[in-house]
Amino acid sequence: MMALNPLLNWRKPIDLPVGKTDPVIKSIPSTPGVYIFFREYGTKVQIFYVGKAMKLQGRIKGQLNNHGLMTAINNAKNGKRRLVWAELKTKPGQTVESSLKAAEKLMIRHYVEEGQPVHNVQGKRIPVQTLTNNLIKEVKHFVPSSVTIDL
């Protein structure tokens, strides 16, 4: 199996549109990519959803009607409701579908490992498993104190 190593070109985050008719929707391209719904307060960010789409604009419009996701974002204690997306750049021999799937999975895995409460399954938090290591000084430089993965 060949590694895909997808490339994403990120754009500046925007305030979450208030609905699918919000004029800011027009700034979202209809190209393949990955998007993230999050809340931002100061330098802290709480990730709620990482998604992939063949047509970012249409998929994001649809997600604005996702009751579970929007409820999770609205119920967060504080911070601006935000959205960011990246356009996928494929390499020779790669398919858009497989590259998108890999990019989404890698981003979700990253945020889960950071301890973010990602809600990618019908607005519910992704279940995770965490390994905790009681470390001694001789292994601290190469054994992590904990490792979290999605199930």
N, C-alpha and C. Protein backbone atom coordinates (compact mmCIF):
# COMPACT_ATOMS: atom_id res chain seq x y z
N MET A 1 0.83 -1.18 0.00
CA MET A 1 0.00 0.00 0.00
C MET A 1 0.88 1.24 0.00
N MET A 2 0.62 2.15 -0.94
CA MET A 2 1.41 3.37 -1.06
C MET A 2 0.86 4.47 -0.15
N ALA A 3 1.73 5.17 0.55
CA ALA A 3 1.31 6.30 1.39
C ALA A 3 0.84 7.44 0.50
N LEU A 4 -0.28 8.05 0.88
CA LEU A 4 -0.84 9.14 0.07
C LEU A 4 -0.20 10.49 0.38
N ASN A 5 0.07 10.76 1.65
CA ASN A 5 0.64 12.02 2.07
C ASN A 5 -0.08 13.21 1.43
N PRO A 6 -1.38 13.39 1.72
CA PRO A 6 -2.15 14.46 1.08
C PRO A 6 -1.62 15.85 1.43
N LEU A 7 -1.88 16.80 0.54
CA LEU A 7 -1.48 18.19 0.73
C LEU A 7 -2.73 19.04 0.81
N LEU A 8 -2.85 19.83 1.89
CA LEU A 8 -3.98 20.73 2.08
C LEU A 8 -3.50 22.18 2.10
N ASN A 9 -4.16 23.03 1.33
CA ASN A 9 -3.86 24.47 1.32
C ASN A 9 -4.93 25.19 2.13
N TRP A 10 -4.57 25.63 3.35
CA TRP A 10 -5.52 26.22 4.29
C TRP A 10 -5.80 27.68 3.99
N ARG A 11 -7.00 28.10 4.31
CA ARG A 11 -7.46 29.49 4.17
C ARG A 11 -7.65 30.08 5.56
N LYS A 12 -7.86 31.39 5.62
CA LYS A 12 -8.06 32.05 6.91
C LYS A 12 -9.42 31.64 7.49
N PRO A 13 -9.47 31.39 8.81
CA PRO A 13 -10.75 31.06 9.43
C PRO A 13 -11.74 32.22 9.31
N ILE A 14 -13.02 31.87 9.31
CA ILE A 14 -14.09 32.87 9.27
C ILE A 14 -15.06 32.60 10.41
N ASP A 15 -15.85 33.63 10.76
CA ASP A 15 -16.92 33.40 11.72
C ASP A 15 -17.93 32.45 11.11
N LEU A 16 -18.49 31.59 11.91
CA LEU A 16 -19.43 30.59 11.41
C LEU A 16 -20.63 31.29 10.78
N PRO A 17 -20.96 30.93 9.54
CA PRO A 17 -22.15 31.52 8.90
C PRO A 17 -23.40 31.23 9.73
N VAL A 18 -24.35 32.17 9.71
CA VAL A 18 -25.57 31.99 10.51
C VAL A 18 -26.60 31.13 9.82
N GLY A 19 -26.36 30.73 8.62
CA GLY A 19 -27.27 29.85 7.88
C GLY A 19 -26.75 29.66 6.48
N LYS A 20 -27.41 28.77 5.73
CA LYS A 20 -26.91 28.45 4.39
C LYS A 20 -27.07 29.58 3.40
N THR A 21 -27.82 30.64 3.75
CA THR A 21 -27.96 31.79 2.85
C THR A 21 -27.03 32.94 3.24
N ASP A 22 -26.22 32.76 4.29
CA ASP A 22 -25.28 33.80 4.72
C ASP A 22 -24.35 34.13 3.56
N PRO A 23 -24.15 35.43 3.26
CA PRO A 23 -23.30 35.82 2.12
C PRO A 23 -21.88 35.28 2.17
N VAL A 24 -21.35 34.99 3.37
CA VAL A 24 -19.98 34.48 3.48
C VAL A 24 -19.83 33.11 2.82
N ILE A 25 -20.94 32.38 2.66
CA ILE A 25 -20.90 31.07 2.01
C ILE A 25 -20.30 31.17 0.61
N LYS A 26 -20.55 32.29 -0.06
CA LYS A 26 -20.03 32.45 -1.43
C LYS A 26 -18.50 32.49 -1.47
N SER A 27 -17.86 32.79 -0.34
CA SER A 27 -16.39 32.83 -0.31
C SER A 27 -15.79 31.43 -0.22
N ILE A 28 -16.61 30.43 0.06
CA ILE A 28 -16.13 29.05 0.18
C ILE A 28 -16.13 28.43 -1.21
N PRO A 29 -15.01 27.87 -1.64
CA PRO A 29 -14.95 27.30 -3.00
C PRO A 29 -15.74 25.99 -3.12
N SER A 30 -16.07 25.65 -4.33
CA SER A 30 -16.75 24.37 -4.61
C SER A 30 -15.74 23.35 -5.11
N THR A 31 -14.61 23.28 -4.44
CA THR A 31 -13.54 22.36 -4.79
C THR A 31 -13.40 21.31 -3.68
N PRO A 32 -12.68 20.22 -3.92
CA PRO A 32 -12.49 19.21 -2.88
C PRO A 32 -11.62 19.76 -1.75
N GLY A 33 -11.93 19.33 -0.53
CA GLY A 33 -11.12 19.77 0.59
C GLY A 33 -11.61 19.25 1.92
N VAL A 34 -11.02 19.80 2.97
CA VAL A 34 -11.30 19.44 4.36
C VAL A 34 -11.72 20.71 5.07
N TYR A 35 -12.64 20.58 6.02
CA TYR A 35 -13.10 21.75 6.78
C TYR A 35 -13.20 21.39 8.25
N ILE A 36 -13.16 22.43 9.09
CA ILE A 36 -13.20 22.24 10.54
C ILE A 36 -14.14 23.28 11.14
N PHE A 37 -15.09 22.80 11.97
CA PHE A 37 -15.92 23.67 12.79
C PHE A 37 -15.27 23.72 14.16
N PHE A 38 -15.11 24.92 14.73
CA PHE A 38 -14.45 25.05 16.02
C PHE A 38 -14.91 26.30 16.76
N ARG A 39 -14.54 26.38 18.04
CA ARG A 39 -14.74 27.59 18.82
C ARG A 39 -13.36 28.09 19.21
N GLU A 40 -13.20 29.40 19.18
CA GLU A 40 -11.89 30.01 19.44
C GLU A 40 -12.04 31.08 20.51
N TYR A 41 -11.20 31.00 21.52
CA TYR A 41 -11.19 32.02 22.57
C TYR A 41 -9.75 32.28 22.96
N GLY A 42 -9.31 33.49 22.64
CA GLY A 42 -7.91 33.84 22.85
C GLY A 42 -7.03 32.96 21.99
N THR A 43 -6.07 32.31 22.62
CA THR A 43 -5.18 31.41 21.89
C THR A 43 -5.67 29.96 21.95
N LYS A 44 -6.80 29.73 22.61
CA LYS A 44 -7.33 28.38 22.74
C LYS A 44 -8.36 28.09 21.66
N VAL A 45 -8.37 26.84 21.22
CA VAL A 45 -9.29 26.39 20.19
C VAL A 45 -9.91 25.07 20.64
N GLN A 46 -11.24 24.95 20.47
CA GLN A 46 -11.93 23.70 20.74
C GLN A 46 -12.50 23.18 19.42
N ILE A 47 -12.01 22.05 18.97
CA ILE A 47 -12.43 21.45 17.71
C ILE A 47 -13.71 20.65 17.93
N PHE A 48 -14.69 20.85 17.03
CA PHE A 48 -15.93 20.10 17.13
C PHE A 48 -16.10 19.09 15.99
N TYR A 49 -15.68 19.46 14.81
CA TYR A 49 -15.96 18.59 13.67
C TYR A 49 -14.90 18.79 12.60
N VAL A 50 -14.39 17.69 12.07
CA VAL A 50 -13.49 17.70 10.92
C VAL A 50 -14.21 16.92 9.83
N GLY A 51 -14.37 17.54 8.66
CA GLY A 51 -15.07 16.86 7.58
C GLY A 51 -14.32 16.97 6.27
N LYS A 52 -14.76 16.15 5.31
CA LYS A 52 -14.18 16.20 3.96
C LYS A 52 -15.32 16.41 2.98
N ALA A 53 -14.99 16.96 1.81
CA ALA A 53 -16.04 17.22 0.82
C ALA A 53 -15.46 17.27 -0.58
N MET A 54 -16.19 16.73 -1.52
CA MET A 54 -15.83 16.89 -2.93
C MET A 54 -16.10 18.33 -3.37
N LYS A 55 -17.13 18.94 -2.79
CA LYS A 55 -17.48 20.34 -3.05
C LYS A 55 -17.67 21.01 -1.70
N LEU A 56 -16.64 21.73 -1.25
CA LEU A 56 -16.66 22.31 0.09
C LEU A 56 -17.91 23.16 0.34
N GLN A 57 -18.23 24.07 -0.57
CA GLN A 57 -19.34 24.99 -0.34
C GLN A 57 -20.65 24.25 -0.06
N GLY A 58 -20.99 23.30 -0.90
CA GLY A 58 -22.23 22.56 -0.73
C GLY A 58 -22.26 21.74 0.55
N ARG A 59 -21.15 21.10 0.86
CA ARG A 59 -21.10 20.26 2.07
C ARG A 59 -21.21 21.11 3.33
N ILE A 60 -20.51 22.25 3.35
CA ILE A 60 -20.57 23.13 4.52
C ILE A 60 -21.97 23.69 4.69
N LYS A 61 -22.62 24.06 3.59
CA LYS A 61 -24.02 24.51 3.65
C LYS A 61 -24.88 23.45 4.34
N GLY A 62 -24.69 22.21 3.94
CA GLY A 62 -25.45 21.12 4.53
C GLY A 62 -25.17 20.95 6.01
N GLN A 63 -23.93 21.10 6.40
CA GLN A 63 -23.56 20.93 7.81
C GLN A 63 -24.18 22.02 8.69
N LEU A 64 -24.45 23.19 8.12
CA LEU A 64 -25.08 24.26 8.91
C LEU A 64 -26.49 23.86 9.35
N ASN A 65 -27.06 22.83 8.72
CA ASN A 65 -28.37 22.30 9.11
C ASN A 65 -28.25 21.03 9.96
N ASN A 66 -27.03 20.64 10.32
CA ASN A 66 -26.80 19.46 11.14
C ASN A 66 -27.09 19.82 12.59
N HIS A 67 -28.27 19.44 13.06
CA HIS A 67 -28.73 19.84 14.39
C HIS A 67 -27.75 19.41 15.50
N GLY A 68 -27.29 18.16 15.45
CA GLY A 68 -26.38 17.67 16.49
C GLY A 68 -25.09 18.47 16.55
N LEU A 69 -24.51 18.75 15.40
CA LEU A 69 -23.26 19.51 15.35
C LEU A 69 -23.47 20.94 15.82
N MET A 70 -24.49 21.60 15.30
CA MET A 70 -24.73 23.00 15.66
C MET A 70 -25.08 23.13 17.14
N THR A 71 -25.79 22.15 17.69
CA THR A 71 -26.11 22.16 19.12
C THR A 71 -24.84 22.03 19.95
N ALA A 72 -23.94 21.11 19.55
CA ALA A 72 -22.67 20.94 20.27
C ALA A 72 -21.85 22.23 20.26
N ILE A 73 -21.79 22.90 19.11
CA ILE A 73 -21.03 24.15 19.01
C ILE A 73 -21.69 25.23 19.86
N ASN A 74 -23.00 25.36 19.76
CA ASN A 74 -23.71 26.39 20.52
C ASN A 74 -23.66 26.17 22.01
N ASN A 75 -23.58 24.93 22.45
CA ASN A 75 -23.56 24.63 23.89
C ASN A 75 -22.17 24.77 24.51
N ALA A 76 -21.16 25.01 23.70
CA ALA A 76 -19.81 25.21 24.25
C ALA A 76 -19.83 26.45 25.15
N LYS A 77 -19.02 26.43 26.19
CA LYS A 77 -19.07 27.49 27.20
C LYS A 77 -18.73 28.87 26.67
N ASN A 78 -17.70 28.96 25.83
CA ASN A 78 -17.32 30.29 25.36
C ASN A 78 -16.52 30.21 24.06
N GLY A 79 -16.27 31.37 23.51
CA GLY A 79 -15.47 31.46 22.30
C GLY A 79 -16.30 31.74 21.07
N LYS A 80 -15.63 32.29 20.08
CA LYS A 80 -16.28 32.59 18.80
C LYS A 80 -16.52 31.29 18.04
N ARG A 81 -17.67 31.20 17.40
CA ARG A 81 -17.98 30.05 16.54
C ARG A 81 -17.29 30.30 15.21
N ARG A 82 -16.41 29.36 14.81
CA ARG A 82 -15.58 29.59 13.64
C ARG A 82 -15.61 28.39 12.67
N LEU A 83 -15.12 28.66 11.47
CA LEU A 83 -15.03 27.67 10.41
C LEU A 83 -13.75 27.94 9.62
N VAL A 84 -13.07 26.88 9.24
CA VAL A 84 -11.88 27.01 8.40
C VAL A 84 -11.88 25.84 7.42
N TRP A 85 -11.30 26.05 6.27
CA TRP A 85 -11.24 24.98 5.27
C TRP A 85 -9.91 25.03 4.54
N ALA A 86 -9.62 23.90 3.91
CA ALA A 86 -8.40 23.77 3.11
C ALA A 86 -8.78 23.07 1.81
N GLU A 87 -8.20 23.52 0.74
CA GLU A 87 -8.41 22.87 -0.55
C GLU A 87 -7.37 21.77 -0.71
N LEU A 88 -7.81 20.66 -1.26
CA LEU A 88 -6.93 19.51 -1.47
C LEU A 88 -6.14 19.68 -2.75
N LYS A 89 -4.87 19.40 -2.69
CA LYS A 89 -4.00 19.40 -3.86
C LYS A 89 -3.52 17.96 -4.03
N THR A 90 -3.95 17.33 -5.12
CA THR A 90 -3.52 15.93 -5.34
C THR A 90 -2.19 15.89 -6.08
N LYS A 91 -1.52 14.79 -5.90
CA LYS A 91 -0.24 14.54 -6.56
C LYS A 91 -0.48 13.55 -7.69
N PRO A 92 0.42 13.47 -8.65
CA PRO A 92 0.24 12.51 -9.74
C PRO A 92 -0.01 11.09 -9.21
N GLY A 93 -1.02 10.45 -9.78
CA GLY A 93 -1.35 9.09 -9.39
C GLY A 93 -2.32 8.97 -8.24
N GLN A 94 -2.65 10.07 -7.58
CA GLN A 94 -3.58 10.04 -6.46
C GLN A 94 -5.00 10.32 -6.93
N THR A 95 -5.96 9.68 -6.29
CA THR A 95 -7.35 10.02 -6.57
C THR A 95 -7.82 11.01 -5.51
N VAL A 96 -8.76 11.85 -5.89
CA VAL A 96 -9.30 12.83 -4.96
C VAL A 96 -9.96 12.12 -3.78
N GLU A 97 -10.75 11.09 -4.06
CA GLU A 97 -11.48 10.40 -3.01
C GLU A 97 -10.55 9.82 -1.94
N SER A 98 -9.54 9.08 -2.37
CA SER A 98 -8.65 8.45 -1.39
C SER A 98 -7.81 9.50 -0.65
N SER A 99 -7.42 10.55 -1.33
CA SER A 99 -6.65 11.61 -0.68
C SER A 99 -7.49 12.36 0.35
N LEU A 100 -8.76 12.64 0.02
CA LEU A 100 -9.66 13.30 0.97
C LEU A 100 -9.88 12.44 2.21
N LYS A 101 -10.12 11.16 1.99
CA LYS A 101 -10.36 10.26 3.10
C LYS A 101 -9.15 10.21 4.03
N ALA A 102 -7.97 10.14 3.45
CA ALA A 102 -6.74 10.11 4.25
C ALA A 102 -6.54 11.42 5.00
N ALA A 103 -6.77 12.55 4.33
CA ALA A 103 -6.59 13.86 4.97
C ALA A 103 -7.53 14.02 6.16
N GLU A 104 -8.80 13.67 5.96
CA GLU A 104 -9.77 13.78 7.06
C GLU A 104 -9.37 12.89 8.22
N LYS A 105 -9.02 11.65 7.93
CA LYS A 105 -8.65 10.71 8.99
C LYS A 105 -7.42 11.20 9.77
N LEU A 106 -6.43 11.71 9.04
CA LEU A 106 -5.22 12.21 9.70
C LEU A 106 -5.51 13.41 10.59
N MET A 107 -6.38 14.32 10.13
CA MET A 107 -6.73 15.49 10.94
C MET A 107 -7.51 15.07 12.18
N ILE A 108 -8.47 14.16 12.02
CA ILE A 108 -9.22 13.68 13.18
C ILE A 108 -8.28 13.04 14.18
N ARG A 109 -7.42 12.16 13.70
CA ARG A 109 -6.45 11.48 14.59
C ARG A 109 -5.59 12.50 15.34
N HIS A 110 -5.14 13.55 14.64
CA HIS A 110 -4.33 14.59 15.29
C HIS A 110 -5.08 15.23 16.45
N TYR A 111 -6.33 15.64 16.20
CA TYR A 111 -7.08 16.33 17.25
C TYR A 111 -7.46 15.39 18.39
N VAL A 112 -7.77 14.15 18.09
CA VAL A 112 -8.06 13.18 19.14
C VAL A 112 -6.83 13.00 20.02
N GLU A 113 -5.66 12.88 19.39
CA GLU A 113 -4.42 12.72 20.17
C GLU A 113 -4.14 13.93 21.03
N GLU A 114 -4.61 15.11 20.62
CA GLU A 114 -4.45 16.33 21.42
C GLU A 114 -5.46 16.40 22.56
N GLY A 115 -6.43 15.49 22.57
CA GLY A 115 -7.45 15.51 23.61
C GLY A 115 -8.65 16.38 23.28
N GLN A 116 -8.81 16.75 22.01
CA GLN A 116 -9.94 17.57 21.59
C GLN A 116 -11.22 16.72 21.59
N PRO A 117 -12.36 17.31 21.96
CA PRO A 117 -13.63 16.57 21.98
C PRO A 117 -14.30 16.55 20.61
N VAL A 118 -13.69 15.90 19.64
CA VAL A 118 -14.21 15.90 18.27
C VAL A 118 -15.56 15.16 18.24
N HIS A 119 -16.56 15.77 17.57
CA HIS A 119 -17.93 15.24 17.50
C HIS A 119 -18.25 14.81 16.07
N ASN A 120 -17.52 13.86 15.52
CA ASN A 120 -17.69 13.54 14.10
C ASN A 120 -18.76 12.50 13.80
N VAL A 121 -19.35 11.87 14.76
CA VAL A 121 -20.34 10.85 14.49
C VAL A 121 -21.71 11.33 14.97
N GLN A 122 -22.54 11.81 14.04
CA GLN A 122 -23.88 12.29 14.33
C GLN A 122 -23.90 13.25 15.51
N GLY A 123 -22.94 14.17 15.56
CA GLY A 123 -22.90 15.17 16.61
C GLY A 123 -22.44 14.66 17.96
N LYS A 124 -22.04 13.38 18.03
CA LYS A 124 -21.58 12.80 19.29
C LYS A 124 -20.07 12.78 19.31
N ARG A 125 -19.55 12.89 20.50
CA ARG A 125 -18.10 12.86 20.68
C ARG A 125 -17.54 11.51 20.25
N ILE A 126 -16.41 11.52 19.55
CA ILE A 126 -15.75 10.29 19.11
C ILE A 126 -15.18 9.57 20.34
N PRO A 127 -15.48 8.27 20.48
CA PRO A 127 -14.91 7.53 21.61
C PRO A 127 -13.40 7.34 21.43
N VAL A 128 -12.69 7.46 22.53
CA VAL A 128 -11.24 7.34 22.47
C VAL A 128 -10.75 6.35 23.53
N GLN A 129 -9.52 5.91 23.34
CA GLN A 129 -8.85 5.06 24.30
C GLN A 129 -7.52 5.71 24.62
N THR A 130 -7.16 5.76 25.91
CA THR A 130 -5.92 6.42 26.31
C THR A 130 -5.04 5.45 27.09
N LEU A 131 -3.79 5.38 26.68
CA LEU A 131 -2.77 4.62 27.41
C LEU A 131 -2.00 5.63 28.25
N THR A 132 -1.87 5.35 29.53
CA THR A 132 -1.09 6.22 30.41
C THR A 132 0.14 5.45 30.88
N ASN A 133 1.29 6.10 30.81
CA ASN A 133 2.55 5.48 31.22
C ASN A 133 3.08 6.15 32.48
N ASN A 134 3.40 5.37 33.50
CA ASN A 134 4.11 5.88 34.67
C ASN A 134 5.58 5.79 34.32
N LEU A 135 6.18 6.94 34.13
CA LEU A 135 7.54 6.97 33.58
C LEU A 135 8.62 7.04 34.65
N ILE A 136 9.75 6.47 34.32
CA ILE A 136 10.97 6.65 35.11
C ILE A 136 11.90 7.53 34.28
N LYS A 137 12.85 8.18 34.92
CA LYS A 137 13.68 9.17 34.22
C LYS A 137 14.45 8.60 33.04
N GLU A 138 14.79 7.32 33.07
CA GLU A 138 15.59 6.72 32.00
C GLU A 138 14.82 6.57 30.68
N VAL A 139 13.49 6.64 30.71
CA VAL A 139 12.72 6.45 29.48
C VAL A 139 11.91 7.69 29.08
N LYS A 140 11.93 8.74 29.88
CA LYS A 140 11.12 9.94 29.61
C LYS A 140 11.44 10.59 28.27
N HIS A 141 12.64 10.40 27.78
CA HIS A 141 13.02 11.07 26.53
C HIS A 141 12.49 10.36 25.29
N PHE A 142 11.91 9.17 25.44
CA PHE A 142 11.36 8.50 24.25
C PHE A 142 10.03 7.79 24.47
N VAL A 143 9.56 7.66 25.69
CA VAL A 143 8.25 7.07 25.94
C VAL A 143 7.29 8.19 26.34
N PRO A 144 6.13 8.29 25.67
CA PRO A 144 5.19 9.36 25.98
C PRO A 144 4.49 9.12 27.33
N SER A 145 4.09 10.20 27.98
CA SER A 145 3.36 10.05 29.23
C SER A 145 1.96 9.49 28.99
N SER A 146 1.41 9.80 27.80
CA SER A 146 0.13 9.19 27.43
C SER A 146 -0.03 9.21 25.92
N VAL A 147 -0.88 8.31 25.44
CA VAL A 147 -1.19 8.21 24.02
C VAL A 147 -2.70 8.01 23.92
N THR A 148 -3.36 8.82 23.10
CA THR A 148 -4.80 8.71 22.91
C THR A 148 -5.09 8.48 21.43
N ILE A 149 -5.97 7.51 21.15
CA ILE A 149 -6.37 7.25 19.77
C ILE A 149 -7.89 7.10 19.72
N ASP A 150 -8.44 7.31 18.53
CA ASP A 150 -9.87 7.09 18.35
C ASP A 150 -10.12 5.61 18.16
N LEU A 151 -11.30 5.16 18.60
CA LEU A 151 -11.64 3.74 18.50
C LEU A 151 -12.35 3.44 17.20
